[in-house]
Protein backbone atom coordinates (compact mmCIF):
# COMPACT_ATOMS: atom_id res chain seq x y z
CA MET A 1 1.77 -6.26 18.77
CA GLY A 2 3.07 -7.38 22.15
CA ALA A 3 5.13 -10.24 20.74
CA VAL A 4 8.52 -11.45 21.92
CA LEU A 5 10.68 -11.69 18.81
CA GLY A 6 13.64 -13.93 17.98
CA ARG A 7 15.89 -15.54 17.42
CA TYR A 8 17.36 -12.18 16.43
CA GLY A 9 15.18 -9.08 16.61
CA ASN A 10 15.50 -6.33 13.99
CA ARG A 11 17.46 -6.70 10.74
CA ILE A 12 20.22 -9.06 9.69
CA GLY A 13 21.74 -7.81 6.44
CA TYR A 14 21.06 -10.04 3.42
CA GLY A 15 20.05 -12.84 5.77
CA ARG A 16 23.61 -14.00 6.34
CA ILE A 17 25.73 -14.50 9.43
CA ARG A 18 29.18 -16.01 9.88
CA ILE A 19 30.09 -18.04 12.95
CA HIS A 20 33.68 -19.26 13.13
CA ASP A 21 34.35 -20.71 9.66
CA ALA A 22 30.72 -21.33 8.66
CA THR A 23 28.31 -18.99 6.87
CA TYR A 24 24.59 -19.44 7.52
CA GLN A 25 21.85 -18.31 5.15
CA LEU A 26 18.83 -17.28 7.17
CA SER A 27 15.22 -16.99 6.12
CA ARG A 28 14.77 -13.63 4.36
CA ASN A 29 11.39 -12.05 5.08
CA ASP A 30 12.19 -8.35 4.58
CA GLY A 31 13.21 -8.03 0.95
CA ASP A 32 16.88 -8.99 0.83
CA HIS A 33 17.13 -9.04 4.61
CA THR A 34 16.06 -11.06 7.64
CA MET A 35 13.71 -9.30 10.08
CA HIS A 36 13.15 -10.49 13.67
CA GLY A 37 14.74 -13.88 12.95
CA GLY A 38 13.03 -14.72 9.65
CA ALA A 39 9.75 -16.17 8.43
CA GLY A 40 8.05 -18.03 11.27
CA HIS A 41 9.92 -16.03 13.91
CA PHE A 42 9.18 -16.40 17.62
CA GLY A 43 6.38 -13.84 17.48
CA THR A 44 4.31 -16.20 15.30
CA ARG A 45 4.67 -19.30 17.54
CA TRP A 46 2.59 -20.88 20.24
CA TRP A 47 4.63 -20.84 23.47
CA ARG A 48 4.09 -23.14 26.45
CA GLY A 49 2.74 -21.04 29.32
CA ALA A 50 2.34 -21.58 33.05
CA VAL A 51 1.75 -19.68 36.26
CA HIS A 52 5.13 -18.86 37.80
CA GLY A 53 4.57 -17.77 41.39
CA PRO A 54 1.81 -15.49 42.66
CA ASP A 55 2.56 -12.54 40.36
CA SER A 56 4.30 -14.10 37.33
CA VAL A 57 3.74 -16.16 34.22
CA VAL A 58 6.41 -18.00 32.27
CA LEU A 59 6.46 -18.78 28.54
CA GLU A 60 8.84 -21.34 27.01
CA LEU A 61 9.70 -22.27 23.42
CA THR A 62 12.09 -24.74 21.82
CA SER A 63 13.60 -23.71 18.48
CA GLU A 64 15.06 -26.70 16.67
CA ASN A 65 18.47 -26.80 14.98
CA GLY A 66 18.17 -25.09 11.58
CA ASP A 67 15.03 -23.15 12.53
CA GLN A 68 14.90 -20.08 10.25
CA GLY A 69 18.42 -21.10 9.15
CA TRP A 70 19.97 -20.60 12.60
CA PRO A 71 22.40 -23.14 14.06
CA GLY A 72 21.72 -25.20 17.16
CA GLU A 73 18.71 -26.12 19.25
CA MET A 74 17.66 -23.16 21.37
CA ARG A 75 15.46 -23.15 24.45
CA ALA A 76 13.89 -19.71 24.94
CA ARG A 77 12.09 -18.45 28.01
CA VAL A 78 10.21 -15.27 28.98
CA VAL A 79 8.99 -14.41 32.48
CA TYR A 80 6.47 -11.60 33.01
CA THR A 81 6.12 -10.31 36.58
CA LEU A 82 3.84 -7.59 37.95
CA THR A 83 5.27 -6.20 41.20
CA ASP A 84 3.43 -4.67 44.16
CA GLN A 85 4.49 -1.25 42.81
CA ALA A 86 2.73 -2.02 39.48
CA ASP A 87 6.06 -2.36 37.67
CA LEU A 88 6.03 -4.80 34.75
CA VAL A 89 9.25 -6.85 34.64
CA ILE A 90 10.02 -8.76 31.42
CA GLU A 91 12.95 -11.18 31.54
CA MET A 92 13.96 -12.93 28.32
CA SER A 93 16.56 -15.69 28.26
CA ALA A 94 17.83 -18.45 26.00
CA VAL A 95 20.35 -21.30 25.90
CA CYS A 96 21.60 -22.92 22.68
CA ASP A 97 23.68 -26.07 22.17
CA GLN A 98 25.83 -24.33 19.51
CA ASP A 99 27.60 -20.99 19.41
CA THR A 100 25.18 -18.43 17.98
CA TYR A 101 23.89 -14.87 18.07
CA VAL A 102 20.74 -13.95 20.01
CA ASN A 103 18.73 -10.74 20.31
CA MET A 104 15.28 -11.44 21.74
CA LEU A 105 13.14 -8.35 22.15
CA PHE A 106 9.70 -7.31 23.36
CA HIS A 107 7.64 -5.62 20.62
CA GLY A 108 4.87 -4.04 22.66
CA TYR A 109 3.28 -0.73 21.70
CA TRP A 110 2.28 2.02 24.12
CA ASN A 111 -0.44 4.62 23.91
CA LEU A 112 -0.85 6.18 27.34
CA GLY A 113 -3.97 8.05 26.23
CA GLY A 114 -5.78 4.73 26.54
CA HIS A 115 -7.79 2.58 24.19
CA ALA A 116 -8.91 4.22 20.91
CA SER A 117 -7.29 7.55 21.84
CA GLY A 118 -5.71 8.16 18.44
CA SER A 119 -2.16 9.27 17.67
CA VAL A 120 0.78 9.31 20.09
CA ALA A 121 2.11 12.50 18.45
CA GLU A 122 1.36 14.57 21.57
CA HIS A 123 3.11 12.17 23.95
CA LEU A 124 6.31 13.55 25.47
CA LEU A 125 9.35 11.30 25.12
CA LYS A 126 12.81 11.49 26.66
CA VAL A 127 15.56 8.95 25.84
CA ALA A 128 18.96 8.59 27.52
CA ALA A 129 20.81 8.51 24.21
CA ASP A 130 23.44 10.87 22.79
CA ARG A 131 24.00 8.93 19.56
CA TYR A 132 22.06 6.90 17.00
CA THR A 133 22.86 4.38 14.25
CA PRO A 134 22.21 5.99 10.83
CA LYS A 135 20.87 3.75 8.05
CA GLY A 136 21.94 3.48 4.44
CA ASP A 137 19.66 3.22 1.43
CA ASN A 138 19.46 -0.54 2.00
CA GLY A 139 17.87 0.00 5.43
CA LEU A 140 20.92 -1.37 7.27
CA PRO A 141 23.03 0.61 9.74
CA THR A 142 26.17 2.06 8.20
CA GLY A 143 28.24 1.06 11.23
CA GLU A 144 28.74 4.69 12.25
CA LEU A 145 27.42 6.33 15.40
CA HIS A 146 26.12 9.85 14.84
CA ASN A 147 25.43 12.50 17.46
CA VAL A 148 21.71 13.12 17.94
CA ALA A 149 22.22 16.91 18.16
CA ASP A 150 20.41 18.82 15.42
CA SER A 151 18.67 15.65 14.25
CA PRO A 152 15.10 14.31 14.58
CA PHE A 153 16.53 11.72 17.00
CA ASP A 154 17.39 14.15 19.77
CA PHE A 155 15.21 13.16 22.74
CA ARG A 156 17.76 14.10 25.41
CA ALA A 157 15.18 16.58 26.71
CA PRO A 158 11.44 15.76 26.68
CA LYS A 159 10.00 16.32 23.21
CA ARG A 160 6.66 15.69 21.53
CA VAL A 161 6.84 12.49 19.52
CA GLY A 162 5.24 14.36 16.63
CA THR A 163 7.64 17.33 16.60
CA ASP A 164 10.06 15.87 14.04
CA LEU A 165 7.94 12.97 12.82
CA ALA A 166 7.68 14.28 9.25
CA ALA A 167 11.45 14.72 9.05
CA THR A 168 11.92 10.96 9.43
CA GLY A 169 9.79 10.06 6.39
CA ARG A 170 6.88 7.81 7.35
CA GLY A 171 7.81 8.01 11.01
CA TYR A 172 10.34 6.73 13.50
CA ALA A 173 11.91 3.31 12.92
CA HIS A 174 15.35 4.04 14.28
CA ASN A 175 17.82 2.73 16.84
CA LEU A 176 19.23 5.03 19.52
CA CYS A 177 22.43 4.17 21.41
CA LEU A 178 21.76 4.25 25.14
CA ARG A 179 24.37 5.90 27.32
CA ASP A 180 26.04 4.25 30.33
CA HIS A 181 25.59 0.72 29.01
CA GLN A 182 27.12 -1.98 31.20
CA GLU A 183 26.38 -5.60 30.42
CA GLY A 184 23.91 -7.01 32.93
CA HIS A 185 23.17 -3.60 34.46
CA CYS A 186 19.59 -2.31 34.20
CA ARG A 187 19.26 1.50 34.08
CA PRO A 188 16.61 4.05 33.00
CA ALA A 189 16.48 4.40 29.22
CA ALA A 190 13.22 6.15 28.26
CA TRP A 191 10.50 8.29 29.84
CA LEU A 192 7.06 8.59 28.16
CA LEU A 193 4.19 10.83 29.26
CA ASP A 194 0.70 11.51 27.93
CA PRO A 195 0.10 15.09 29.15
CA VAL A 196 -3.69 14.79 28.78
CA SER A 197 -4.28 11.73 30.98
CA GLY A 198 -1.19 12.16 33.16
CA ARG A 199 -0.26 8.51 32.57
CA ALA A 200 3.47 7.91 32.28
CA LEU A 201 6.07 5.17 32.19
CA ILE A 202 9.80 4.76 32.69
CA LEU A 203 11.56 2.00 30.76
CA GLU A 204 14.68 0.45 32.25
CA THR A 205 16.85 -2.04 30.38
CA ASP A 206 20.26 -3.72 30.35
CA GLN A 207 20.58 -3.52 26.55
CA PRO A 208 22.75 -1.06 24.53
CA GLY A 209 20.10 0.09 22.04
CA LEU A 210 16.50 1.28 21.90
CA GLN A 211 14.42 1.09 18.73
CA ILE A 212 11.70 3.74 18.61
CA PHE A 213 8.95 2.79 16.17
CA THR A 214 5.74 4.74 15.59
CA ALA A 215 3.65 1.99 13.97
CA ASN A 216 4.16 3.58 10.56
CA SER A 217 2.47 0.82 8.55
CA TRP A 218 -0.74 0.55 10.59
CA SER A 219 -3.74 1.27 8.38
CA ASN A 220 -7.39 0.59 9.25
CA LEU A 221 -6.52 -2.14 11.78
CA SER A 222 -9.61 -3.36 13.59
CA GLY A 223 -9.41 -3.29 17.38
CA LYS A 224 -11.73 -4.10 20.24
CA ASP A 225 -15.09 -2.35 20.59
CA GLY A 226 -14.96 -1.27 16.95
CA ALA A 227 -11.82 0.86 17.31
CA VAL A 228 -9.72 1.37 14.19
CA TYR A 229 -5.96 1.88 14.50
CA GLN A 230 -4.05 4.06 12.04
CA ALA A 231 -0.37 4.90 11.63
CA HIS A 232 1.21 6.47 14.74
CA SER A 233 -1.50 5.12 17.06
CA GLY A 234 1.15 3.39 19.17
CA LEU A 235 4.82 3.75 20.09
CA ALA A 236 7.11 0.74 20.41
CA LEU A 237 10.16 1.12 22.66
CA GLU A 238 12.25 -1.95 21.87
CA SER A 239 15.37 -2.42 24.00
CA GLN A 240 17.84 -4.43 21.95
CA GLN A 241 21.29 -4.92 20.53
CA HIS A 242 21.94 -2.62 17.60
CA PRO A 243 20.50 -3.84 14.27
CA ASN A 244 22.74 -6.13 12.19
CA THR A 245 25.31 -6.32 14.98
CA PRO A 246 26.64 -9.77 13.91
CA ASN A 247 27.74 -8.24 10.58
CA THR A 248 28.95 -4.88 11.94
CA PRO A 249 32.40 -5.05 13.57
CA SER A 250 32.12 -1.52 15.00
CA PHE A 251 29.15 -2.69 17.12
CA ALA A 252 31.37 -5.32 18.82
CA PRO A 253 29.33 -8.47 18.07
CA LYS A 254 29.51 -11.10 20.77
CA LEU A 255 28.70 -14.76 20.32
CA VAL A 256 26.58 -16.55 22.88
CA ARG A 257 28.59 -19.70 23.46
CA ALA A 258 27.06 -23.17 23.54
CA GLY A 259 25.47 -23.73 26.94
CA GLU A 260 25.87 -20.07 27.93
CA MET A 261 22.80 -18.15 29.13
CA TYR A 262 21.63 -15.19 27.03
CA ALA A 263 19.63 -12.70 29.12
CA HIS A 264 17.67 -9.51 28.41
CA ARG A 265 15.85 -7.66 31.19
CA MET A 266 13.48 -4.73 30.92
CA VAL A 267 11.34 -3.04 33.56
CA VAL A 268 8.36 -0.79 32.79
CA ARG A 269 7.54 1.46 35.75
CA PHE A 270 4.08 3.05 35.48
CA ARG A 271 3.19 6.41 37.00
CA ALA A 272 0.08 8.58 37.32
CA LEU A 273 1.04 12.26 37.48
CA GLY A 274 -0.78 15.34 38.69
CA ALA A 275 -0.67 18.71 36.96
CA GLU A 276 2.65 19.61 38.59
CA GLY A 277 4.29 16.22 38.25
CA ALA A 278 5.84 16.31 34.77
CA GLY A 279 9.02 18.14 35.67
CA ALA A 280 9.91 15.80 38.52
CA PHE A 281 8.99 12.76 36.43
CA PHE A 282 11.51 13.51 33.67
CA ASN A 283 14.23 13.92 36.29
CA ASP A 284 13.40 10.63 38.00
């Protein structure tokens, strides 16, 4: 909850990647596959932290050559900034001394009903995505891009998170393909509203994909003040590269060259809406 994951968020099929003429066997921590980089991924580490200006903190981590099976020494960095408009800016970056793949992502969960408010099923969600990446029986993307129309993954118009939840099995754990992706260009990707409290957020990102995940495995998790969290008590909106991109030619994998800066930017813009504000919010 709330972790920054790496070196490569989401799945890598069978824990293998190929870079130039070398094949690397990664740590497999998800059955046959690697999840979020492998065992001991970035979300389990102590990062070095410091104040970074009046409204920011910076976290830094060095991942040694061979860490989780990945090549090269990587220096990772995350800067969190809270603006005067109460926008939360999260900037993730990394530099490695060997050619590699990188996909750092923020794995925060949202429940705009507030602490101990139960399921997010009644939240309204809109996502700027016309396609999604279907998964095979092995949990990996097939490499195809399917239209979201007539599927549980159609959030082009605001929809209750719980409307098609049962049709996905245990819940959402799927990657949507964001429209209008341009490398380095941050644009609105998702709108989330709790109609009871009126709390809302807009997520902007410069990444091509968005994983929507409804905390399907949560069961009797103890929280603060005696709260207990169950499945679907939170919604993760993880901007990212598509899962297993290094092994999926149709997703156009791109190496981060030695000494080149990898960057991932996301902005969470919070809103408090009145009774008449929902329509304008989803058109923002």
